[in-house]
N, C-alpha and C. Protein backbone atom coordinates (compact mmCIF):
# COMPACT_ATOMS: atom_id res chain seq x y z
N MET A 1 0.85 -1.18 0.00
CA MET A 1 0.00 0.00 0.00
C MET A 1 0.89 1.24 0.00
N THR A 2 0.64 2.14 -0.92
CA THR A 2 1.42 3.37 -1.00
C THR A 2 0.86 4.40 -0.02
N ARG A 3 1.64 5.45 0.21
CA ARG A 3 1.20 6.52 1.11
C ARG A 3 -0.08 7.17 0.58
N SER A 4 -0.15 7.37 -0.75
CA SER A 4 -1.35 7.99 -1.29
C SER A 4 -2.56 7.07 -1.16
N ASP A 5 -2.34 5.75 -1.21
CA ASP A 5 -3.44 4.81 -0.98
C ASP A 5 -3.90 4.88 0.47
N LEU A 6 -2.93 4.94 1.38
CA LEU A 6 -3.26 4.99 2.80
C LEU A 6 -4.02 6.25 3.16
N PHE A 7 -3.52 7.39 2.69
CA PHE A 7 -4.14 8.66 3.03
C PHE A 7 -5.13 9.08 1.96
N SER A 8 -6.09 8.22 1.74
CA SER A 8 -7.18 8.52 0.80
C SER A 8 -8.50 8.25 1.52
N PHE A 9 -9.54 8.80 0.98
CA PHE A 9 -10.86 8.63 1.56
C PHE A 9 -11.74 8.01 0.48
N PRO A 10 -12.57 7.04 0.84
CA PRO A 10 -13.38 6.39 -0.19
C PRO A 10 -14.38 7.35 -0.83
N ASP A 11 -14.54 7.19 -2.11
CA ASP A 11 -15.54 7.96 -2.86
C ASP A 11 -16.00 7.08 -4.01
N PRO A 12 -17.19 6.56 -3.93
CA PRO A 12 -18.28 6.87 -2.99
C PRO A 12 -18.11 6.14 -1.65
N VAL A 13 -19.00 6.51 -0.73
CA VAL A 13 -19.06 5.93 0.61
C VAL A 13 -20.36 5.15 0.73
N ASN A 14 -20.30 4.01 1.39
CA ASN A 14 -21.52 3.25 1.65
C ASN A 14 -22.25 3.93 2.82
N GLU A 15 -23.40 4.47 2.56
CA GLU A 15 -24.20 5.18 3.56
C GLU A 15 -24.53 4.29 4.76
N VAL A 16 -24.74 3.01 4.51
CA VAL A 16 -25.03 2.08 5.61
C VAL A 16 -23.86 2.05 6.58
N SER A 17 -22.65 1.93 6.06
CA SER A 17 -21.46 1.93 6.92
C SER A 17 -21.30 3.26 7.64
N ALA A 18 -21.53 4.36 6.94
CA ALA A 18 -21.40 5.68 7.57
C ALA A 18 -22.36 5.81 8.75
N ARG A 19 -23.57 5.34 8.58
CA ARG A 19 -24.55 5.43 9.67
C ARG A 19 -24.20 4.52 10.82
N LEU A 20 -23.63 3.34 10.52
CA LEU A 20 -23.20 2.43 11.59
C LEU A 20 -22.02 3.00 12.36
N VAL A 21 -21.08 3.64 11.67
CA VAL A 21 -19.97 4.30 12.35
C VAL A 21 -20.51 5.41 13.26
N ALA A 22 -21.45 6.18 12.75
CA ALA A 22 -22.06 7.23 13.57
C ALA A 22 -22.72 6.63 14.81
N GLY A 23 -23.36 5.48 14.66
CA GLY A 23 -23.95 4.79 15.80
C GLY A 23 -22.90 4.38 16.82
N GLY A 24 -21.74 3.94 16.33
CA GLY A 24 -20.63 3.60 17.23
C GLY A 24 -20.13 4.82 17.98
N VAL A 25 -20.08 5.96 17.30
CA VAL A 25 -19.68 7.21 17.96
C VAL A 25 -20.69 7.58 19.04
N VAL A 26 -21.96 7.41 18.75
CA VAL A 26 -23.00 7.70 19.76
C VAL A 26 -22.78 6.82 20.99
N LEU A 27 -22.58 5.52 20.78
CA LEU A 27 -22.38 4.61 21.91
C LEU A 27 -21.15 4.99 22.73
N MET A 28 -20.04 5.28 22.07
CA MET A 28 -18.82 5.65 22.79
C MET A 28 -18.99 6.98 23.53
N SER A 29 -19.67 7.92 22.92
CA SER A 29 -19.87 9.23 23.54
C SER A 29 -20.77 9.15 24.76
N VAL A 30 -21.86 8.41 24.63
CA VAL A 30 -22.77 8.23 25.77
C VAL A 30 -22.05 7.51 26.90
N ALA A 31 -21.28 6.49 26.57
CA ALA A 31 -20.52 5.76 27.60
C ALA A 31 -19.51 6.67 28.28
N THR A 32 -18.85 7.53 27.52
CA THR A 32 -17.86 8.45 28.08
C THR A 32 -18.50 9.35 29.13
N ILE A 33 -19.65 9.90 28.80
CA ILE A 33 -20.34 10.81 29.72
C ILE A 33 -20.96 10.04 30.89
N ALA A 34 -21.69 8.96 30.58
CA ALA A 34 -22.40 8.21 31.63
C ALA A 34 -21.45 7.59 32.64
N LEU A 35 -20.30 7.12 32.17
CA LEU A 35 -19.34 6.48 33.06
C LEU A 35 -18.29 7.46 33.58
N ASP A 36 -18.39 8.72 33.14
CA ASP A 36 -17.46 9.78 33.53
C ASP A 36 -16.01 9.34 33.33
N GLN A 37 -15.71 9.01 32.08
CA GLN A 37 -14.38 8.54 31.70
C GLN A 37 -13.79 9.48 30.64
N PRO A 38 -13.32 10.66 31.05
CA PRO A 38 -12.84 11.63 30.06
C PRO A 38 -11.67 11.13 29.22
N TRP A 39 -10.88 10.17 29.71
CA TRP A 39 -9.76 9.65 28.92
C TRP A 39 -10.24 9.01 27.62
N PHE A 40 -11.50 8.56 27.62
CA PHE A 40 -12.04 7.92 26.42
C PHE A 40 -12.22 8.91 25.28
N LEU A 41 -12.17 10.21 25.60
CA LEU A 41 -12.22 11.23 24.55
C LEU A 41 -11.04 11.08 23.58
N LEU A 42 -9.91 10.58 24.09
CA LEU A 42 -8.76 10.33 23.22
C LEU A 42 -9.07 9.26 22.18
N VAL A 43 -9.80 8.25 22.57
CA VAL A 43 -10.19 7.18 21.65
C VAL A 43 -11.13 7.72 20.58
N ILE A 44 -12.10 8.53 21.01
CA ILE A 44 -13.05 9.13 20.07
C ILE A 44 -12.33 10.06 19.11
N ALA A 45 -11.46 10.92 19.65
CA ALA A 45 -10.73 11.86 18.80
C ALA A 45 -9.82 11.12 17.82
N TYR A 46 -9.12 10.09 18.30
CA TYR A 46 -8.27 9.30 17.40
C TYR A 46 -9.10 8.73 16.25
N GLY A 47 -10.28 8.20 16.56
CA GLY A 47 -11.13 7.62 15.52
C GLY A 47 -11.48 8.62 14.44
N PHE A 48 -11.86 9.83 14.86
CA PHE A 48 -12.20 10.86 13.86
C PHE A 48 -10.97 11.26 13.05
N ILE A 49 -9.83 11.44 13.70
CA ILE A 49 -8.61 11.82 12.98
C ILE A 49 -8.24 10.72 11.98
N ALA A 50 -8.29 9.48 12.42
CA ALA A 50 -7.98 8.36 11.51
C ALA A 50 -8.93 8.32 10.33
N ARG A 51 -10.23 8.52 10.58
CA ARG A 51 -11.20 8.44 9.48
C ARG A 51 -11.08 9.62 8.52
N VAL A 52 -10.77 10.80 9.02
CA VAL A 52 -10.64 11.94 8.11
C VAL A 52 -9.39 11.79 7.24
N LEU A 53 -8.34 11.18 7.79
CA LEU A 53 -7.10 11.01 7.04
C LEU A 53 -7.12 9.80 6.11
N THR A 54 -7.73 8.69 6.56
CA THR A 54 -7.60 7.43 5.81
C THR A 54 -8.92 6.71 5.57
N GLY A 55 -10.05 7.36 5.83
CA GLY A 55 -11.32 6.63 5.74
C GLY A 55 -11.33 5.57 6.83
N PRO A 56 -11.81 4.39 6.56
CA PRO A 56 -11.85 3.36 7.61
C PRO A 56 -10.52 2.64 7.85
N THR A 57 -9.51 2.90 7.03
CA THR A 57 -8.28 2.11 7.06
C THR A 57 -7.60 2.04 8.43
N LEU A 58 -7.40 3.16 9.11
CA LEU A 58 -6.71 3.17 10.39
C LEU A 58 -7.65 3.36 11.58
N SER A 59 -8.93 3.28 11.32
CA SER A 59 -9.93 3.44 12.37
C SER A 59 -10.44 2.07 12.82
N PRO A 60 -10.21 1.69 14.08
CA PRO A 60 -10.75 0.40 14.54
C PRO A 60 -12.26 0.31 14.36
N LEU A 61 -12.98 1.37 14.67
CA LEU A 61 -14.43 1.37 14.47
C LEU A 61 -14.77 1.24 12.99
N GLY A 62 -14.07 1.99 12.14
CA GLY A 62 -14.30 1.91 10.69
C GLY A 62 -14.02 0.52 10.15
N GLN A 63 -12.95 -0.11 10.63
CA GLN A 63 -12.63 -1.46 10.20
C GLN A 63 -13.70 -2.46 10.64
N PHE A 64 -14.12 -2.37 11.90
CA PHE A 64 -15.16 -3.27 12.40
C PHE A 64 -16.44 -3.12 11.60
N VAL A 65 -16.83 -1.88 11.35
CA VAL A 65 -18.08 -1.65 10.62
C VAL A 65 -17.99 -2.15 9.19
N THR A 66 -16.91 -1.78 8.47
CA THR A 66 -16.84 -2.13 7.05
C THR A 66 -16.51 -3.59 6.78
N ARG A 67 -15.77 -4.22 7.69
CA ARG A 67 -15.35 -5.61 7.45
C ARG A 67 -16.24 -6.65 8.12
N VAL A 68 -16.90 -6.27 9.23
CA VAL A 68 -17.67 -7.25 10.00
C VAL A 68 -19.16 -6.91 10.01
N LEU A 69 -19.50 -5.74 10.50
CA LEU A 69 -20.90 -5.41 10.75
C LEU A 69 -21.71 -5.21 9.46
N THR A 70 -21.25 -4.33 8.58
CA THR A 70 -22.01 -4.07 7.35
C THR A 70 -22.23 -5.33 6.52
N PRO A 71 -21.19 -6.16 6.29
CA PRO A 71 -21.42 -7.38 5.50
C PRO A 71 -22.39 -8.37 6.17
N ALA A 72 -22.50 -8.31 7.50
CA ALA A 72 -23.37 -9.25 8.21
C ALA A 72 -24.83 -8.82 8.22
N LEU A 73 -25.09 -7.59 7.85
CA LEU A 73 -26.45 -7.07 7.88
C LEU A 73 -27.13 -7.21 6.52
N PRO A 74 -28.45 -7.32 6.51
CA PRO A 74 -29.16 -7.56 5.25
C PRO A 74 -29.48 -6.29 4.44
N PHE A 75 -28.77 -5.19 4.71
CA PHE A 75 -29.08 -3.94 4.02
C PHE A 75 -28.31 -3.81 2.72
N GLU A 76 -28.98 -3.30 1.72
CA GLU A 76 -28.37 -3.02 0.43
C GLU A 76 -27.46 -1.81 0.57
N ALA A 77 -26.29 -1.87 -0.07
CA ALA A 77 -25.37 -0.73 -0.05
C ALA A 77 -26.02 0.46 -0.75
N LYS A 78 -25.82 1.64 -0.16
CA LYS A 78 -26.30 2.88 -0.78
C LYS A 78 -25.10 3.81 -0.89
N GLU A 79 -24.65 4.03 -2.12
CA GLU A 79 -23.46 4.84 -2.32
C GLU A 79 -23.81 6.32 -2.34
N VAL A 80 -23.02 7.10 -1.59
CA VAL A 80 -23.17 8.55 -1.54
C VAL A 80 -21.78 9.17 -1.75
N PRO A 81 -21.72 10.43 -2.17
CA PRO A 81 -20.42 11.06 -2.40
C PRO A 81 -19.54 11.09 -1.15
N GLY A 82 -18.24 10.86 -1.35
CA GLY A 82 -17.30 10.82 -0.24
C GLY A 82 -16.91 12.16 0.35
N PRO A 83 -16.66 13.21 -0.47
CA PRO A 83 -16.18 14.47 0.11
C PRO A 83 -17.06 15.07 1.21
N PRO A 84 -18.38 15.05 1.10
CA PRO A 84 -19.17 15.58 2.22
C PRO A 84 -19.01 14.75 3.49
N LYS A 85 -18.87 13.44 3.35
CA LYS A 85 -18.68 12.58 4.53
C LYS A 85 -17.33 12.85 5.17
N ARG A 86 -16.32 13.10 4.35
CA ARG A 86 -15.00 13.43 4.90
C ARG A 86 -15.06 14.77 5.63
N PHE A 87 -15.76 15.72 5.07
CA PHE A 87 -15.94 17.02 5.71
C PHE A 87 -16.62 16.83 7.07
N ALA A 88 -17.64 15.99 7.12
CA ALA A 88 -18.34 15.73 8.37
C ALA A 88 -17.40 15.09 9.40
N GLN A 89 -16.53 14.19 8.94
CA GLN A 89 -15.54 13.59 9.85
C GLN A 89 -14.60 14.68 10.38
N GLY A 90 -14.28 15.66 9.54
CA GLY A 90 -13.44 16.78 9.97
C GLY A 90 -14.10 17.60 11.07
N ILE A 91 -15.40 17.78 10.97
CA ILE A 91 -16.13 18.47 12.03
C ILE A 91 -16.08 17.63 13.31
N GLY A 92 -16.18 16.31 13.16
CA GLY A 92 -16.04 15.42 14.30
C GLY A 92 -14.68 15.56 14.96
N VAL A 93 -13.62 15.75 14.15
CA VAL A 93 -12.29 16.00 14.70
C VAL A 93 -12.31 17.26 15.56
N ALA A 94 -12.88 18.33 15.02
CA ALA A 94 -12.91 19.59 15.76
C ALA A 94 -13.62 19.44 17.10
N PHE A 95 -14.77 18.79 17.10
CA PHE A 95 -15.54 18.62 18.34
C PHE A 95 -14.81 17.70 19.32
N SER A 96 -14.34 16.56 18.83
CA SER A 96 -13.74 15.57 19.74
C SER A 96 -12.40 16.05 20.30
N VAL A 97 -11.59 16.69 19.48
CA VAL A 97 -10.31 17.22 19.96
C VAL A 97 -10.56 18.36 20.95
N THR A 98 -11.53 19.22 20.65
CA THR A 98 -11.87 20.29 21.60
C THR A 98 -12.29 19.70 22.94
N ALA A 99 -13.14 18.69 22.90
CA ALA A 99 -13.60 18.06 24.15
C ALA A 99 -12.42 17.44 24.90
N ALA A 100 -11.53 16.77 24.19
CA ALA A 100 -10.38 16.13 24.83
C ALA A 100 -9.45 17.17 25.46
N VAL A 101 -9.20 18.26 24.77
CA VAL A 101 -8.34 19.31 25.31
C VAL A 101 -8.99 19.95 26.53
N LEU A 102 -10.29 20.22 26.45
CA LEU A 102 -10.98 20.80 27.61
C LEU A 102 -10.87 19.91 28.84
N ALA A 103 -11.14 18.62 28.64
CA ALA A 103 -11.17 17.69 29.78
C ALA A 103 -9.77 17.34 30.27
N LEU A 104 -8.91 16.93 29.36
CA LEU A 104 -7.61 16.39 29.76
C LEU A 104 -6.53 17.47 29.88
N GLY A 105 -6.68 18.54 29.13
CA GLY A 105 -5.69 19.61 29.19
C GLY A 105 -5.98 20.66 30.25
N PHE A 106 -7.26 20.93 30.46
CA PHE A 106 -7.64 22.01 31.38
C PHE A 106 -8.51 21.55 32.55
N GLY A 107 -8.85 20.27 32.58
CA GLY A 107 -9.67 19.77 33.68
C GLY A 107 -11.11 20.25 33.65
N LEU A 108 -11.56 20.73 32.51
CA LEU A 108 -12.92 21.25 32.36
C LEU A 108 -13.84 20.15 31.81
N THR A 109 -14.08 19.16 32.64
CA THR A 109 -14.83 17.98 32.20
C THR A 109 -16.26 18.32 31.81
N THR A 110 -16.91 19.17 32.59
CA THR A 110 -18.30 19.53 32.27
C THR A 110 -18.37 20.21 30.90
N ALA A 111 -17.48 21.16 30.65
CA ALA A 111 -17.46 21.83 29.34
C ALA A 111 -17.18 20.82 28.23
N ALA A 112 -16.26 19.90 28.49
CA ALA A 112 -15.94 18.87 27.50
C ALA A 112 -17.16 18.01 27.19
N TYR A 113 -17.90 17.65 28.22
CA TYR A 113 -19.08 16.82 28.02
C TYR A 113 -20.19 17.57 27.29
N VAL A 114 -20.26 18.88 27.45
CA VAL A 114 -21.22 19.68 26.69
C VAL A 114 -20.86 19.63 25.20
N VAL A 115 -19.57 19.80 24.90
CA VAL A 115 -19.11 19.72 23.51
C VAL A 115 -19.37 18.32 22.96
N LEU A 116 -19.07 17.30 23.77
CA LEU A 116 -19.30 15.92 23.34
C LEU A 116 -20.79 15.65 23.14
N ALA A 117 -21.64 16.26 23.94
CA ALA A 117 -23.09 16.10 23.76
C ALA A 117 -23.53 16.66 22.41
N GLY A 118 -22.94 17.80 22.01
CA GLY A 118 -23.25 18.35 20.68
C GLY A 118 -22.85 17.38 19.58
N LEU A 119 -21.68 16.79 19.72
CA LEU A 119 -21.22 15.78 18.77
C LEU A 119 -22.16 14.58 18.76
N THR A 120 -22.62 14.19 19.94
CA THR A 120 -23.52 13.04 20.07
C THR A 120 -24.85 13.31 19.37
N VAL A 121 -25.36 14.52 19.48
CA VAL A 121 -26.60 14.88 18.78
C VAL A 121 -26.41 14.75 17.28
N ALA A 122 -25.32 15.31 16.76
CA ALA A 122 -25.06 15.24 15.32
C ALA A 122 -24.88 13.79 14.87
N ALA A 123 -24.13 13.00 15.63
CA ALA A 123 -23.93 11.59 15.26
C ALA A 123 -25.24 10.82 15.35
N SER A 124 -26.10 11.16 16.30
CA SER A 124 -27.40 10.50 16.43
C SER A 124 -28.29 10.80 15.23
N LEU A 125 -28.27 12.04 14.77
CA LEU A 125 -29.06 12.39 13.59
C LEU A 125 -28.61 11.57 12.38
N GLU A 126 -27.31 11.41 12.24
CA GLU A 126 -26.78 10.60 11.13
C GLU A 126 -27.15 9.13 11.31
N ALA A 127 -26.90 8.60 12.50
CA ALA A 127 -27.10 7.17 12.74
C ALA A 127 -28.56 6.76 12.63
N PHE A 128 -29.45 7.52 13.23
CA PHE A 128 -30.84 7.09 13.36
C PHE A 128 -31.79 7.66 12.31
N LEU A 129 -31.44 8.83 11.75
CA LEU A 129 -32.32 9.47 10.77
C LEU A 129 -31.68 9.63 9.39
N GLY A 130 -30.39 9.34 9.29
CA GLY A 130 -29.70 9.52 8.01
C GLY A 130 -29.50 10.97 7.66
N LEU A 131 -29.54 11.86 8.65
CA LEU A 131 -29.35 13.28 8.43
C LEU A 131 -27.94 13.67 8.82
N CYS A 132 -27.11 13.95 7.85
CA CYS A 132 -25.70 14.31 8.08
C CYS A 132 -25.58 15.83 8.09
N LEU A 133 -25.41 16.40 9.28
CA LEU A 133 -25.30 17.86 9.39
C LEU A 133 -24.06 18.38 8.69
N GLY A 134 -22.95 17.65 8.79
CA GLY A 134 -21.73 18.05 8.09
C GLY A 134 -21.93 18.07 6.59
N CYS A 135 -22.69 17.10 6.08
CA CYS A 135 -22.97 17.05 4.64
C CYS A 135 -23.83 18.23 4.21
N LYS A 136 -24.78 18.60 5.05
CA LYS A 136 -25.62 19.77 4.76
C LYS A 136 -24.78 21.04 4.74
N MET A 137 -23.84 21.15 5.71
CA MET A 137 -22.95 22.31 5.75
C MET A 137 -22.04 22.33 4.51
N PHE A 138 -21.56 21.16 4.10
CA PHE A 138 -20.73 21.04 2.90
C PHE A 138 -21.50 21.56 1.69
N ALA A 139 -22.76 21.15 1.56
CA ALA A 139 -23.58 21.59 0.43
C ALA A 139 -23.78 23.11 0.45
N LEU A 140 -24.01 23.65 1.62
CA LEU A 140 -24.18 25.11 1.75
C LEU A 140 -22.88 25.83 1.36
N LEU A 141 -21.75 25.34 1.81
CA LEU A 141 -20.47 25.95 1.47
C LEU A 141 -20.18 25.85 -0.03
N MET A 142 -20.62 24.77 -0.66
CA MET A 142 -20.48 24.66 -2.12
C MET A 142 -21.37 25.68 -2.81
N LYS A 143 -22.59 25.80 -2.32
CA LYS A 143 -23.54 26.74 -2.92
C LYS A 143 -23.03 28.18 -2.81
N LEU A 144 -22.36 28.48 -1.70
CA LEU A 144 -21.80 29.82 -1.48
C LEU A 144 -20.48 30.02 -2.23
N GLY A 145 -19.94 28.97 -2.84
CA GLY A 145 -18.70 29.06 -3.59
C GLY A 145 -17.45 28.96 -2.73
N ILE A 146 -17.62 28.65 -1.45
CA ILE A 146 -16.47 28.52 -0.55
C ILE A 146 -15.72 27.22 -0.82
N ILE A 147 -16.47 26.16 -1.07
CA ILE A 147 -15.88 24.90 -1.52
C ILE A 147 -16.08 24.85 -3.03
N PRO A 148 -14.99 24.76 -3.79
CA PRO A 148 -15.12 24.76 -5.26
C PRO A 148 -15.90 23.56 -5.77
N ALA A 149 -16.59 23.76 -6.86
CA ALA A 149 -17.43 22.71 -7.46
C ALA A 149 -16.64 21.46 -7.80
N GLU A 150 -15.37 21.62 -8.22
CA GLU A 150 -14.60 20.44 -8.63
C GLU A 150 -14.23 19.53 -7.46
N VAL A 151 -14.39 20.00 -6.23
CA VAL A 151 -14.13 19.14 -5.07
C VAL A 151 -15.09 17.96 -5.08
N CYS A 152 -16.29 18.21 -5.51
CA CYS A 152 -17.27 17.12 -5.55
C CYS A 152 -18.23 17.34 -6.71
N GLU A 153 -17.79 16.94 -7.89
CA GLU A 153 -18.63 17.08 -9.08
C GLU A 153 -19.94 16.33 -8.93
N ARG A 154 -19.88 15.13 -8.32
CA ARG A 154 -21.10 14.35 -8.14
C ARG A 154 -22.09 15.08 -7.23
N CYS A 155 -21.56 15.84 -6.26
CA CYS A 155 -22.43 16.60 -5.36
C CYS A 155 -23.24 17.63 -6.14
N ASN A 156 -22.62 18.21 -7.16
CA ASN A 156 -23.32 19.20 -7.98
C ASN A 156 -24.47 18.58 -8.75
N ASN A 157 -24.35 17.29 -9.02
CA ASN A 157 -25.32 16.60 -9.87
C ASN A 157 -26.12 15.58 -9.06
N ILE A 158 -26.28 15.83 -7.78
CA ILE A 158 -26.90 14.86 -6.89
C ILE A 158 -28.37 14.59 -7.26
N TRP A 159 -29.05 15.62 -7.72
CA TRP A 159 -30.47 15.44 -8.08
C TRP A 159 -30.60 14.61 -9.34
N ALA A 160 -29.64 14.70 -10.24
CA ALA A 160 -29.68 13.85 -11.43
C ALA A 160 -29.50 12.39 -11.04
N ASP A 161 -28.61 12.14 -10.05
CA ASP A 161 -28.41 10.77 -9.57
C ASP A 161 -29.68 10.23 -8.95
N ALA A 162 -30.40 11.06 -8.19
CA ALA A 162 -31.61 10.62 -7.51
C ALA A 162 -32.71 10.27 -8.52
N ALA A 163 -32.73 11.00 -9.63
CA ALA A 163 -33.76 10.75 -10.64
C ALA A 163 -33.46 9.50 -11.45
N ALA A 164 -32.20 9.14 -11.55
CA ALA A 164 -31.80 7.98 -12.38
C ALA A 164 -32.22 6.65 -11.79
């Protein structure tokens, strides 16, 4: 495997796997808060950093979902564009790293758990309703011209894909 292969993100992404990963994030986040284990924020943050850099390749949760869980379930794969999902993982990095720094760097566990709760809400929307807030933000940034159209040509033509 070359470095460019390692540091790549899948495009397209299986929506079923993305939602299952989000469900795993929800479980880990709820456990972190309920069990008051702020060190677990490092595990959550690592997962987001690994997924934004390499997709599921270096993410234990991503590997479990794509290699074990998704194939074992009776759901048909639904392919969606990769760049918005990567952007959403980047937002997860921002939230999880912020929470980890607050808790472990400054001892502000309550503030960290508030940030983690926000992440948990977003991950829950993805996992249970298929609503990716990061993807919606990505689309808005494309519409505003902040993210260039060539970053995700398929995103520009998403309605044509839905009609086909």
